[in-house]
Amino acid sequence: MTHQREAAILERLEAVGSVTVDELSRLLDVSGTTIRRDLERLELNARLRRVHGGATLARHTEPVTVQDLDADTREKEAIARATAGMIRDSEVVLLDIGITTLRLARHLRGRSLTVITNSLAVLDTLRDDDAISLVVLGGLVGSKPRTLVGPLTEEALAQVRADVAVISSTGIEPDGAVVTDLTQEASIKGRMRQAADRSILVANTSKFPGSGSYRIASLIDFDTIVTTRAGDAETLDAAALAGVGIVRV
């Protein structure tokens, strides 16, 4: 079970300091894909740090370079860095949940911004930053750990107006539909987009087509898409023809 695997991964990390995907796959008798998902979830919860081929303890003090990261994480880091460059000082930023948006939050540290979020991971990243005015939307702790969702979150969003919203998803279908696999988060993501003067969708290669049963919006509902050069060209070209800005990193 997921929680048992996570406990075993953390126990192994505590014992040896770092682990590889191959090692964990053999130890837990599951696929490498399953282990990578476990590591991503644990990183989102600030329990570890993913590096190339595996993970280290979250409290690991040696600097981790971009070259140390695995391919999926390198893409998300590049997208986060590019997106940070599109946000202007003094702006109000609505920041969605997700690994890419969490990495974006790290790049926003020290800047004069107002950040509004429903991500407890973003809260942990920015809570001690005196330069940032941090607003956390209230609500129910969601089915995805460290998120706030539900009527209270939506009611709070109704009172918010932002300069920019940065939204993530779990999939982008060939027809341009932007989807998520979590029903509660779908509504929150849509309301975040509508509450901002401009909206940015962040999506690495794995999101084409990705997966998800709940529609957030269409690609053409966003002002900008920050993605990778390997993102589905036909889908992105159709969005560009409709006037959406496409930034490939």
C-alpha atoms as a PDB file:
ATOM      1  CA  MET A   1       0.000   0.000   0.000  1.00  0.00           C
ATOM      2  CA  THR A   2       1.091   3.553  -0.684  1.00  0.00           C
ATOM      3  CA  HIS A   3       1.564   4.639   2.922  1.00  0.00           C
ATOM      4  CA  GLN A   4       3.542   1.465   3.676  1.00  0.00           C
ATOM      5  CA  ARG A   5       5.869   2.103   0.710  1.00  0.00           C
ATOM      6  CA  GLU A   6       6.348   5.717   1.775  1.00  0.00           C
ATOM      7  CA  ALA A   7       7.222   4.649   5.313  1.00  0.00           C
ATOM      8  CA  ALA A   8       9.703   2.104   3.965  1.00  0.00           C
ATOM      9  CA  ILE A   9      11.309   4.696   1.665  1.00  0.00           C
ATOM     10  CA  LEU A  10      11.735   7.190   4.503  1.00  0.00           C
ATOM     11  CA  GLU A  11      13.084   4.490   6.825  1.00  0.00           C
ATOM     12  CA  ARG A  12      15.659   3.539   4.200  1.00  0.00           C
ATOM     13  CA  LEU A  13      16.603   7.197   3.685  1.00  0.00           C
ATOM     14  CA  GLU A  14      17.079   7.711   7.407  1.00  0.00           C
ATOM     15  CA  ALA A  15      19.360   4.687   7.496  1.00  0.00           C
ATOM     16  CA  VAL A  16      21.589   5.400   4.486  1.00  0.00           C
ATOM     17  CA  GLY A  17      21.036   9.069   3.555  1.00  0.00           C
ATOM     18  CA  SER A  18      20.210   8.526  -0.135  1.00  0.00           C
ATOM     19  CA  VAL A  19      18.425   5.950  -2.270  1.00  0.00           C
ATOM     20  CA  THR A  20      18.035   5.112  -5.948  1.00  0.00           C
ATOM     21  CA  VAL A  21      14.882   4.267  -7.860  1.00  0.00           C
ATOM     22  CA  ASP A  22      16.325   0.895  -8.891  1.00  0.00           C
ATOM     23  CA  GLU A  23      17.229   0.039  -5.298  1.00  0.00           C
ATOM     24  CA  LEU A  24      13.755   0.915  -4.016  1.00  0.00           C
ATOM     25  CA  SER A  25      12.074  -0.909  -6.878  1.00  0.00           C
ATOM     26  CA  ARG A  26      13.910  -4.117  -5.938  1.00  0.00           C
ATOM     27  CA  LEU A  27      13.420  -3.592  -2.213  1.00  0.00           C
ATOM     28  CA  LEU A  28       9.663  -2.977  -2.456  1.00  0.00           C
ATOM     29  CA  ASP A  29       8.969  -5.201  -5.471  1.00  0.00           C
ATOM     30  CA  VAL A  30       7.186  -2.508  -7.503  1.00  0.00           C
ATOM     31  CA  SER A  31       7.930  -0.759 -10.789  1.00  0.00           C
ATOM     32  CA  GLY A  32      10.268   2.173 -11.171  1.00  0.00           C
ATOM     33  CA  THR A  33       7.293   4.266 -12.305  1.00  0.00           C
ATOM     34  CA  THR A  34       5.512   3.577  -9.000  1.00  0.00           C
ATOM     35  CA  ILE A  35       8.625   4.530  -7.039  1.00  0.00           C
ATOM     36  CA  ARG A  36       9.015   7.793  -8.979  1.00  0.00           C
ATOM     37  CA  ARG A  37       5.430   8.713  -8.149  1.00  0.00           C
ATOM     38  CA  ASP A  38       6.068   7.916  -4.483  1.00  0.00           C
ATOM     39  CA  LEU A  39       9.180  10.119  -4.513  1.00  0.00           C
ATOM     40  CA  GLU A  40       7.319  12.995  -6.181  1.00  0.00           C
ATOM     41  CA  ARG A  41       4.559  12.798  -3.589  1.00  0.00           C
ATOM     42  CA  LEU A  42       7.078  12.727  -0.722  1.00  0.00           C
ATOM     43  CA  GLU A  43       8.971  15.680  -2.205  1.00  0.00           C
ATOM     44  CA  LEU A  44       5.731  17.668  -2.404  1.00  0.00           C
ATOM     45  CA  ASN A  45       5.301  16.944   1.307  1.00  0.00           C
ATOM     46  CA  ALA A  46       8.880  18.146   1.953  1.00  0.00           C
ATOM     47  CA  ARG A  47       9.911  14.704   3.229  1.00  0.00           C
ATOM     48  CA  LEU A  48      12.779  14.247   0.762  1.00  0.00           C
ATOM     49  CA  ARG A  49      14.537  15.830  -2.203  1.00  0.00           C
ATOM     50  CA  ARG A  50      14.555  14.111  -5.574  1.00  0.00           C
ATOM     51  CA  VAL A  51      17.867  13.898  -7.415  1.00  0.00           C
ATOM     52  CA  HIS A  52      19.022  12.115 -10.556  1.00  0.00           C
ATOM     53  CA  GLY A  53      18.047   8.465 -10.236  1.00  0.00           C
ATOM     54  CA  GLY A  54      16.685   8.673  -6.700  1.00  0.00           C
ATOM     55  CA  ALA A  55      16.379  10.895  -3.634  1.00  0.00           C
ATOM     56  CA  THR A  56      18.163  12.315  -0.593  1.00  0.00           C
ATOM     57  CA  LEU A  57      16.922  13.465   2.779  1.00  0.00           C
ATOM     58  CA  ALA A  58      15.079  16.788   2.709  1.00  0.00           C
ATOM     59  CA  ARG A  59      17.487  18.154   5.302  1.00  0.00           C
ATOM     60  CA  HIS A  60      20.478  17.252   3.109  1.00  0.00           C
ATOM     61  CA  THR A  61      22.731  20.305   3.319  1.00  0.00           C
ATOM     62  CA  GLU A  62      24.972  19.870   0.265  1.00  0.00           C
ATOM     63  CA  PRO A  63      23.786  22.015  -2.685  1.00  0.00           C
ATOM     64  CA  VAL A  64      21.977  20.129  -5.417  1.00  0.00           C
ATOM     65  CA  THR A  65      22.620  21.373  -8.964  1.00  0.00           C
ATOM     66  CA  VAL A  66      20.239  21.115 -11.910  1.00  0.00           C
ATOM     67  CA  GLN A  67      22.490  18.380 -13.356  1.00  0.00           C
ATOM     68  CA  ASP A  68      21.862  16.285 -10.230  1.00  0.00           C
ATOM     69  CA  LEU A  69      18.110  16.162 -10.854  1.00  0.00           C
ATOM     70  CA  ASP A  70      16.300  13.477 -12.840  1.00  0.00           C
ATOM     71  CA  ALA A  71      14.897  14.381 -16.285  1.00  0.00           C
ATOM     72  CA  ASP A  72      11.331  14.975 -15.104  1.00  0.00           C
ATOM     73  CA  THR A  73      12.477  17.210 -12.251  1.00  0.00           C
ATOM     74  CA  ARG A  74      14.917  19.097 -14.513  1.00  0.00           C
ATOM     75  CA  GLU A  75      12.007  19.972 -16.791  1.00  0.00           C
ATOM     76  CA  LYS A  76       9.906  21.204 -13.885  1.00  0.00           C
ATOM     77  CA  GLU A  77      12.829  23.226 -12.533  1.00  0.00           C
ATOM     78  CA  ALA A  78      13.402  24.878 -15.930  1.00  0.00           C
ATOM     79  CA  ILE A  79       9.691  25.682 -16.251  1.00  0.00           C
ATOM     80  CA  ALA A  80       9.617  27.125 -12.728  1.00  0.00           C
ATOM     81  CA  ARG A  81      12.657  29.302 -13.398  1.00  0.00           C
ATOM     82  CA  ALA A  82      11.204  30.626 -16.666  1.00  0.00           C
ATOM     83  CA  THR A  83       7.843  31.333 -15.038  1.00  0.00           C
ATOM     84  CA  ALA A  84       9.486  33.260 -12.201  1.00  0.00           C
ATOM     85  CA  GLY A  85      10.972  35.555 -14.818  1.00  0.00           C
ATOM     86  CA  MET A  86       7.468  36.369 -16.088  1.00  0.00           C
ATOM     87  CA  ILE A  87       6.267  37.619 -12.701  1.00  0.00           C
ATOM     88  CA  ARG A  88       6.906  41.286 -11.953  1.00  0.00           C
ATOM     89  CA  ASP A  89       7.797  42.694  -8.544  1.00  0.00           C
ATOM     90  CA  SER A  90       4.851  43.996  -6.468  1.00  0.00           C
ATOM     91  CA  GLU A  91       2.394  41.711  -8.255  1.00  0.00           C
ATOM     92  CA  VAL A  92      -0.263  39.576  -6.558  1.00  0.00           C
ATOM     93  CA  VAL A  93       0.314  35.928  -7.522  1.00  0.00           C
ATOM     94  CA  LEU A  94      -2.157  33.062  -7.156  1.00  0.00           C
ATOM     95  CA  LEU A  95      -0.111  29.895  -6.820  1.00  0.00           C
ATOM     96  CA  ASP A  96      -1.673  26.488  -7.422  1.00  0.00           C
ATOM     97  CA  ILE A  97      -0.611  23.160  -5.889  1.00  0.00           C
ATOM     98  CA  GLY A  98       1.983  20.920  -7.521  1.00  0.00           C
ATOM     99  CA  ILE A  99       5.700  20.175  -7.785  1.00  0.00           C
ATOM    100  CA  THR A 100       6.326  22.792 -10.495  1.00  0.00           C
ATOM    101  CA  THR A 101       4.519  25.524  -8.579  1.00  0.00           C
ATOM    102  CA  LEU A 102       6.401  24.529  -5.419  1.00  0.00           C
ATOM    103  CA  ARG A 103       9.663  24.942  -7.304  1.00  0.00           C
ATOM    104  CA  LEU A 104       8.393  28.290  -8.595  1.00  0.00           C
ATOM    105  CA  ALA A 105       7.754  29.395  -5.009  1.00  0.00           C
ATOM    106  CA  ARG A 106      11.423  28.739  -4.219  1.00  0.00           C
ATOM    107  CA  HIS A 107      12.419  31.056  -7.086  1.00  0.00           C
ATOM    108  CA  LEU A 108      10.127  33.796  -5.742  1.00  0.00           C
ATOM    109  CA  ARG A 109      11.812  33.954  -2.353  1.00  0.00           C
ATOM    110  CA  GLY A 110      13.211  37.379  -1.488  1.00  0.00           C
ATOM    111  CA  ARG A 111      11.023  39.249  -3.959  1.00  0.00           C
ATOM    112  CA  SER A 112       8.464  41.940  -3.159  1.00  0.00           C
ATOM    113  CA  LEU A 113       5.276  40.020  -3.982  1.00  0.00           C
ATOM    114  CA  THR A 114       1.955  38.968  -2.547  1.00  0.00           C
ATOM    115  CA  VAL A 115       1.480  35.214  -2.920  1.00  0.00           C
ATOM    116  CA  ILE A 116      -1.953  33.643  -2.391  1.00  0.00           C
ATOM    117  CA  THR A 117      -2.085  29.853  -2.297  1.00  0.00           C
ATOM    118  CA  ASN A 118      -3.964  26.761  -1.183  1.00  0.00           C
ATOM    119  CA  SER A 119      -0.745  24.746  -0.974  1.00  0.00           C
ATOM    120  CA  LEU A 120       0.648  24.001   2.473  1.00  0.00           C
ATOM    121  CA  ALA A 121       3.942  23.080   0.803  1.00  0.00           C
ATOM    122  CA  VAL A 122       4.165  26.614  -0.618  1.00  0.00           C
ATOM    123  CA  LEU A 123       3.301  27.918   2.842  1.00  0.00           C
ATOM    124  CA  ASP A 124       6.263  26.026   4.299  1.00  0.00           C
ATOM    125  CA  THR A 125       8.545  27.381   1.562  1.00  0.00           C
ATOM    126  CA  LEU A 126       7.599  31.052   1.961  1.00  0.00           C
ATOM    127  CA  ARG A 127       6.410  31.420   5.564  1.00  0.00           C
ATOM    128  CA  ASP A 128       9.729  32.821   6.840  1.00  0.00           C
ATOM    129  CA  ASP A 129      10.319  35.186   3.899  1.00  0.00           C
ATOM    130  CA  ASP A 130       9.963  38.778   5.071  1.00  0.00           C
ATOM    131  CA  ALA A 131       9.881  40.136   1.510  1.00  0.00           C
ATOM    132  CA  ILE A 132       6.720  38.231   0.560  1.00  0.00           C
ATOM    133  CA  SER A 133       3.208  38.895   1.823  1.00  0.00           C
ATOM    134  CA  LEU A 134       1.797  35.384   2.101  1.00  0.00           C
ATOM    135  CA  VAL A 135      -1.940  34.655   2.094  1.00  0.00           C
ATOM    136  CA  VAL A 136      -3.186  31.087   2.640  1.00  0.00           C
ATOM    137  CA  LEU A 137      -6.696  30.242   1.480  1.00  0.00           C
ATOM    138  CA  GLY A 138      -8.733  28.421   4.100  1.00  0.00           C
ATOM    139  CA  GLY A 139     -10.501  25.138   3.559  1.00  0.00           C
ATOM    140  CA  LEU A 140     -10.537  21.390   4.045  1.00  0.00           C
ATOM    141  CA  VAL A 141      -7.301  19.427   3.786  1.00  0.00           C
ATOM    142  CA  GLY A 142      -7.753  17.782   0.404  1.00  0.00           C
ATOM    143  CA  SER A 143      -7.409  14.245  -0.915  1.00  0.00           C
ATOM    144  CA  LYS A 144      -3.964  15.201  -2.172  1.00  0.00           C
ATOM    145  CA  PRO A 145      -1.804  15.842   0.902  1.00  0.00           C
ATOM    146  CA  ARG A 146      -0.969  19.401   1.915  1.00  0.00           C
ATOM    147  CA  THR A 147      -3.704  21.091  -0.112  1.00  0.00           C
ATOM    148  CA  LEU A 148      -6.743  23.107   0.956  1.00  0.00           C
ATOM    149  CA  VAL A 149      -9.986  22.639  -0.963  1.00  0.00           C
ATOM    150  CA  GLY A 150     -13.752  22.849  -0.622  1.00  0.00           C
ATOM    151  CA  PRO A 151     -16.427  25.537  -0.161  1.00  0.00           C
ATOM    152  CA  LEU A 152     -14.343  27.657   2.222  1.00  0.00           C
ATOM    153  CA  THR A 153     -11.496  27.772  -0.305  1.00  0.00           C
ATOM    154  CA  GLU A 154     -13.856  28.723  -3.117  1.00  0.00           C
ATOM    155  CA  GLU A 155     -15.521  31.380  -0.959  1.00  0.00           C
ATOM    156  CA  ALA A 156     -12.116  32.890  -0.176  1.00  0.00           C
ATOM    157  CA  LEU A 157     -11.192  32.892  -3.867  1.00  0.00           C
ATOM    158  CA  ALA A 158     -14.363  34.834  -4.642  1.00  0.00           C
ATOM    159  CA  GLN A 159     -12.901  37.711  -2.597  1.00  0.00           C
ATOM    160  CA  VAL A 160      -9.529  37.668  -4.380  1.00  0.00           C
ATOM    161  CA  ARG A 161      -8.230  39.579  -7.392  1.00  0.00           C
ATOM    162  CA  ALA A 162      -4.708  38.764  -8.582  1.00  0.00           C
ATOM    163  CA  ASP A 163      -2.381  39.982 -11.289  1.00  0.00           C
ATOM    164  CA  VAL A 164      -1.380  36.476 -12.323  1.00  0.00           C
ATOM    165  CA  ALA A 165      -2.405  32.897 -11.580  1.00  0.00           C
ATOM    166  CA  VAL A 166      -0.016  29.992 -12.138  1.00  0.00           C
ATOM    167  CA  ILE A 167      -1.898  26.735 -12.665  1.00  0.00           C
ATOM    168  CA  SER A 168      -0.753  23.121 -12.941  1.00  0.00           C
ATOM    169  CA  SER A 169      -2.587  20.047 -14.231  1.00  0.00           C
ATOM    170  CA  THR A 170      -2.185  16.293 -14.545  1.00  0.00           C
ATOM    171  CA  GLY A 171      -2.898  16.191 -18.275  1.00  0.00           C
ATOM    172  CA  ILE A 172      -3.384  18.084 -21.535  1.00  0.00           C
ATOM    173  CA  GLU A 173      -5.406  16.175 -24.106  1.00  0.00           C
ATOM    174  CA  PRO A 174      -4.813  16.409 -27.874  1.00  0.00           C
ATOM    175  CA  ASP A 175      -7.943  18.558 -28.303  1.00  0.00           C
ATOM    176  CA  GLY A 176      -6.524  21.098 -25.838  1.00  0.00           C
ATOM    177  CA  ALA A 177      -8.578  20.125 -22.783  1.00  0.00           C
ATOM    178  CA  VAL A 178      -6.649  20.735 -19.552  1.00  0.00           C
ATOM    179  CA  VAL A 179      -7.558  18.102 -16.964  1.00  0.00           C
ATOM    180  CA  THR A 180      -6.799  16.925 -13.448  1.00  0.00           C
ATOM    181  CA  ASP A 181      -7.311  13.614 -11.672  1.00  0.00           C
ATOM    182  CA  LEU A 182      -8.737  15.236  -8.529  1.00  0.00           C
ATOM    183  CA  THR A 183     -12.318  16.488  -8.599  1.00  0.00           C
ATOM    184  CA  GLN A 184     -12.031  18.967  -5.705  1.00  0.00           C
ATOM    185  CA  GLU A 185      -8.917  20.605  -7.118  1.00  0.00           C
ATOM    186  CA  ALA A 186     -10.503  21.048 -10.583  1.00  0.00           C
ATOM    187  CA  SER A 187     -12.931  23.665  -9.345  1.00  0.00           C
ATOM    188  CA  ILE A 188     -10.245  25.488  -7.337  1.00  0.00           C
ATOM    189  CA  LYS A 189      -7.898  25.629 -10.323  1.00  0.00           C
ATOM    190  CA  GLY A 190     -10.661  27.029 -12.519  1.00  0.00           C
ATOM    191  CA  ARG A 191     -11.566  29.693  -9.975  1.00  0.00           C
ATOM    192  CA  MET A 192      -7.921  30.673  -9.559  1.00  0.00           C
ATOM    193  CA  ARG A 193      -7.602  31.232 -13.293  1.00  0.00           C
ATOM    194  CA  GLN A 194     -10.750  33.345 -13.368  1.00  0.00           C
ATOM    195  CA  ALA A 195      -9.608  35.441 -10.379  1.00  0.00           C
ATOM    196  CA  ALA A 196      -6.474  36.705 -12.143  1.00  0.00           C
ATOM    197  CA  ASP A 197      -5.870  39.300 -14.848  1.00  0.00           C
ATOM    198  CA  ARG A 198      -3.619  36.837 -16.641  1.00  0.00           C
ATOM    199  CA  SER A 199      -3.067  33.106 -16.275  1.00  0.00           C
ATOM    200  CA  ILE A 200      -0.076  30.857 -16.871  1.00  0.00           C
ATOM    201  CA  LEU A 201      -0.315  27.088 -17.326  1.00  0.00           C
ATOM    202  CA  VAL A 202       2.846  25.166 -16.402  1.00  0.00           C
ATOM    203  CA  ALA A 203       3.175  21.752 -18.040  1.00  0.00           C
ATOM    204  CA  ASN A 204       6.186  19.515 -18.581  1.00  0.00           C
ATOM    205  CA  THR A 205       6.466  16.704 -21.144  1.00  0.00           C
ATOM    206  CA  SER A 206       4.711  14.122 -18.959  1.00  0.00           C
ATOM    207  CA  LYS A 207       1.474  16.165 -19.136  1.00  0.00           C
ATOM    208  CA  PHE A 208       1.059  15.413 -22.873  1.00  0.00           C
ATOM    209  CA  PRO A 209      -1.355  13.695 -22.695  1.00  0.00           C
ATOM    210  CA  GLY A 210      -0.976  12.823 -18.996  1.00  0.00           C
ATOM    211  CA  SER A 211      -4.207  11.753 -17.333  1.00  0.00           C
ATOM    212  CA  GLY A 212      -7.271  13.117 -15.600  1.00  0.00           C
ATOM    213  CA  SER A 213     -11.062  12.849 -15.649  1.00  0.00           C
ATOM    214  CA  TYR A 214     -11.955  16.378 -14.526  1.00  0.00           C
ATOM    215  CA  ARG A 215     -11.730  19.321 -16.908  1.00  0.00           C
ATOM    216  CA  ILE A 216     -10.130  22.537 -15.649  1.00  0.00           C
ATOM    217  CA  ALA A 217     -10.251  24.610 -18.826  1.00  0.00           C
ATOM    218  CA  SER A 218      -9.022  24.646 -22.420  1.00  0.00           C
ATOM    219  CA  LEU A 219      -5.524  25.673 -23.453  1.00  0.00           C
ATOM    220  CA  ILE A 220      -7.030  28.709 -25.177  1.00  0.00           C
ATOM    221  CA  ASP A 221      -8.386  29.920 -21.821  1.00  0.00           C
ATOM    222  CA  PHE A 222      -4.813  30.657 -20.683  1.00  0.00           C
ATOM    223  CA  ASP A 223      -2.729  33.656 -21.643  1.00  0.00           C
ATOM    224  CA  THR A 224       0.559  31.738 -21.581  1.00  0.00           C
ATOM    225  CA  ILE A 225       1.709  28.133 -21.503  1.00  0.00           C
ATOM    226  CA  VAL A 226       5.195  27.431 -20.160  1.00  0.00           C
ATOM    227  CA  THR A 227       6.259  23.996 -21.322  1.00  0.00           C
ATOM    228  CA  THR A 228       9.138  22.003 -22.799  1.00  0.00           C
ATOM    229  CA  ARG A 229      10.387  21.657 -26.341  1.00  0.00           C
ATOM    230  CA  ALA A 230       9.146  18.068 -26.246  1.00  0.00           C
ATOM    231  CA  GLY A 231       5.543  19.124 -25.525  1.00  0.00           C
ATOM    232  CA  ASP A 232       3.019  17.958 -28.122  1.00  0.00           C
ATOM    233  CA  ALA A 233       3.658  20.292 -31.081  1.00  0.00           C
ATOM    234  CA  GLU A 234       0.263  19.924 -32.772  1.00  0.00           C
ATOM    235  CA  THR A 235      -1.670  20.698 -29.583  1.00  0.00           C
ATOM    236  CA  LEU A 236       0.541  23.668 -28.713  1.00  0.00           C
ATOM    237  CA  ASP A 237       0.528  25.048 -32.271  1.00  0.00           C
ATOM    238  CA  ALA A 238      -3.277  25.050 -32.230  1.00  0.00           C
ATOM    239  CA  ALA A 239      -3.227  27.055 -29.003  1.00  0.00           C
ATOM    240  CA  ALA A 240      -0.674  29.486 -30.470  1.00  0.00           C
ATOM    241  CA  LEU A 241      -2.921  30.063 -33.500  1.00  0.00           C
ATOM    242  CA  ALA A 242      -5.703  31.000 -31.066  1.00  0.00           C
ATOM    243  CA  GLY A 243      -3.452  33.691 -29.559  1.00  0.00           C
ATOM    244  CA  VAL A 244      -1.983  31.853 -26.548  1.00  0.00           C
ATOM    245  CA  GLY A 245       1.653  32.644 -25.783  1.00  0.00           C
ATOM    246  CA  ILE A 246       3.824  29.532 -25.849  1.00  0.00           C
ATOM    247  CA  VAL A 247       7.118  29.523 -23.944  1.00  0.00           C
ATOM    248  CA  ARG A 248       9.270  26.432 -24.529  1.00  0.00           C
ATOM    249  CA  VAL A 249      12.224  25.810 -22.220  1.00  0.00           C
END
